[in-house]
C-alpha atoms as a PDB file:
ATOM      1  CA  MET A   1       6.831  -3.715   3.802  1.00  0.00           C
ATOM      2  CA  ALA A   2       7.018  -4.714   0.089  1.00  0.00           C
ATOM      3  CA  ARG A   3       4.165  -4.409  -2.021  1.00  0.00           C
ATOM      4  CA  LEU A   4       3.187  -6.137  -4.940  1.00  0.00           C
ATOM      5  CA  ASP A   5       0.139  -5.211  -6.856  1.00  0.00           C
ATOM      6  CA  LEU A   6      -1.409  -8.905  -8.570  1.00  0.00           C
ATOM      7  CA  ASP A   7      -3.039  -5.579 -11.261  1.00  0.00           C
ATOM      8  CA  ASP A   8       0.356  -6.111 -12.684  1.00  0.00           C
ATOM      9  CA  LEU A   9       1.339 -10.429 -12.677  1.00  0.00           C
ATOM     10  CA  PRO A  10      -0.471 -12.519 -15.368  1.00  0.00           C
ATOM     11  CA  PRO A  11      -3.893 -13.128 -15.094  1.00  0.00           C
ATOM     12  CA  LYS A  12      -3.334 -17.064 -14.067  1.00  0.00           C
ATOM     13  CA  ILE A  13      -0.897 -15.650 -11.295  1.00  0.00           C
ATOM     14  CA  ALA A  14      -3.501 -13.245  -9.756  1.00  0.00           C
ATOM     15  CA  ALA A  15      -6.192 -15.261  -9.689  1.00  0.00           C
ATOM     16  CA  LEU A  16      -4.129 -18.143  -7.904  1.00  0.00           C
ATOM     17  CA  LEU A  17      -2.602 -15.502  -5.291  1.00  0.00           C
ATOM     18  CA  ALA A  18      -6.126 -13.715  -4.795  1.00  0.00           C
ATOM     19  CA  ALA A  19      -8.107 -16.977  -4.185  1.00  0.00           C
ATOM     20  CA  LEU A  20      -5.564 -18.447  -1.432  1.00  0.00           C
ATOM     21  CA  PRO A  21      -7.818 -19.004   1.585  1.00  0.00           C
ATOM     22  CA  GLU A  22      -7.147 -16.859   5.006  1.00  0.00           C
ATOM     23  CA  GLY A  23      -4.496 -19.111   6.363  1.00  0.00           C
ATOM     24  CA  GLU A  24      -3.403 -21.195   3.232  1.00  0.00           C
ATOM     25  CA  GLU A  25       0.663 -21.560   2.516  1.00  0.00           C
ATOM     26  CA  LEU A  26       2.140 -20.150  -0.854  1.00  0.00           C
ATOM     27  CA  VAL A  27       5.566 -21.342  -1.142  1.00  0.00           C
ATOM     28  CA  LEU A  28       7.676 -19.536  -4.098  1.00  0.00           C
ATOM     29  CA  VAL A  29      10.185 -22.097  -5.234  1.00  0.00           C
ATOM     30  CA  ARG A  30      13.429 -21.703  -7.533  1.00  0.00           C
ATOM     31  CA  ASP A  31      15.490 -24.202  -9.319  1.00  0.00           C
ATOM     32  CA  GLY A  32      14.443 -26.472  -6.733  1.00  0.00           C
ATOM     33  CA  ALA A  33      15.572 -24.104  -3.184  1.00  0.00           C
ATOM     34  CA  VAL A  34      12.496 -22.135  -1.522  1.00  0.00           C
ATOM     35  CA  MET A  35      13.111 -19.499  -1.809  1.00  0.00           C
ATOM     36  CA  GLY A  36      10.444 -17.907   0.831  1.00  0.00           C
ATOM     37  CA  ARG A  37       6.499 -18.620   1.999  1.00  0.00           C
ATOM     38  CA  LEU A  38       3.645 -16.319   1.963  1.00  0.00           C
ATOM     39  CA  THR A  39       0.537 -16.809   4.213  1.00  0.00           C
ATOM     40  CA  ALA A  40      -2.817 -15.334   3.389  1.00  0.00           C
ATOM     41  CA  GLY A  41      -4.269 -13.363   5.300  1.00  0.00           C
ATOM     42  CA  ALA A  42      -7.467 -11.742   5.620  1.00  0.00           C
ATOM     43  CA  PRO A  43      -9.007  -9.089   2.926  1.00  0.00           C
ATOM     44  CA  GLN A  44      -8.746  -5.609   4.203  1.00  0.00           C
ATOM     45  CA  ALA A  45     -11.357  -2.608   2.911  1.00  0.00           C
ATOM     46  CA  PRO A  46      -8.864  -0.388   0.906  1.00  0.00           C
ATOM     47  CA  PRO A  47      -8.447   2.958   2.138  1.00  0.00           C
ATOM     48  CA  ALA A  48     -10.786   4.791   3.552  1.00  0.00           C
ATOM     49  CA  ALA A  49     -10.705   8.197   0.930  1.00  0.00           C
ATOM     50  CA  VAL A  50      -9.323  11.444   1.172  1.00  0.00           C
ATOM     51  CA  GLU A  51     -11.121  14.696   0.832  1.00  0.00           C
ATOM     52  CA  ALA A  52      -9.929  16.148  -1.471  1.00  0.00           C
ATOM     53  CA  VAL A  53      -9.112  20.028  -0.473  1.00  0.00           C
ATOM     54  CA  ALA A  54      -8.924  23.544  -2.769  1.00  0.00           C
ATOM     55  CA  PRO A  55      -5.636  24.449  -3.769  1.00  0.00           C
ATOM     56  CA  GLU A  56      -6.654  27.410  -2.583  1.00  0.00           C
ATOM     57  CA  GLN A  57      -7.518  25.993   0.825  1.00  0.00           C
ATOM     58  CA  HIS A  58      -4.567  24.430   0.786  1.00  0.00           C
ATOM     59  CA  ALA A  59      -1.784  27.007  -0.538  1.00  0.00           C
ATOM     60  CA  ALA A  60      -3.205  28.826   2.537  1.00  0.00           C
ATOM     61  CA  GLU A  61      -2.099  25.522   5.227  1.00  0.00           C
ATOM     62  CA  VAL A  62       1.162  25.222   3.819  1.00  0.00           C
ATOM     63  CA  PHE A  63       2.100  29.334   3.950  1.00  0.00           C
ATOM     64  CA  GLU A  64       0.243  29.544   7.445  1.00  0.00           C
ATOM     65  CA  ASN A  65       2.692  26.806   8.122  1.00  0.00           C
ATOM     66  CA  PHE A  66       6.015  28.716   7.139  1.00  0.00           C
ATOM     67  CA  ARG A  67       4.142  31.970   8.835  1.00  0.00           C
ATOM     68  CA  ALA A  68       4.399  29.711  12.341  1.00  0.00           C
ATOM     69  CA  ALA A  69       7.534  27.657  10.976  1.00  0.00           C
ATOM     70  CA  ILE A  70       9.201  31.313  11.474  1.00  0.00           C
ATOM     71  CA  GLU A  71       8.569  32.502  13.940  1.00  0.00           C
ATOM     72  CA  ASP A  72       8.576  29.948  16.456  1.00  0.00           C
ATOM     73  CA  GLU A  73      12.041  30.100  15.474  1.00  0.00           C
ATOM     74  CA  PHE A  74      12.863  33.353  16.094  1.00  0.00           C
END
């Protein structure tokens, strides 16, 4: 799925897209031809923050997974 960050758009376009009510359709037109349609949905909450893992713990997990994979292979 393609993703478009509103922060990367000019403010006027970003405001138009952000203000679309749920279910409203936006038609994308180029040279008079319809190129696509976007239907606004309900705003989604940002993803939950991932717990920060200490580098030592991450390294230990990677090593353990590697060791287990080697043991399973041989």
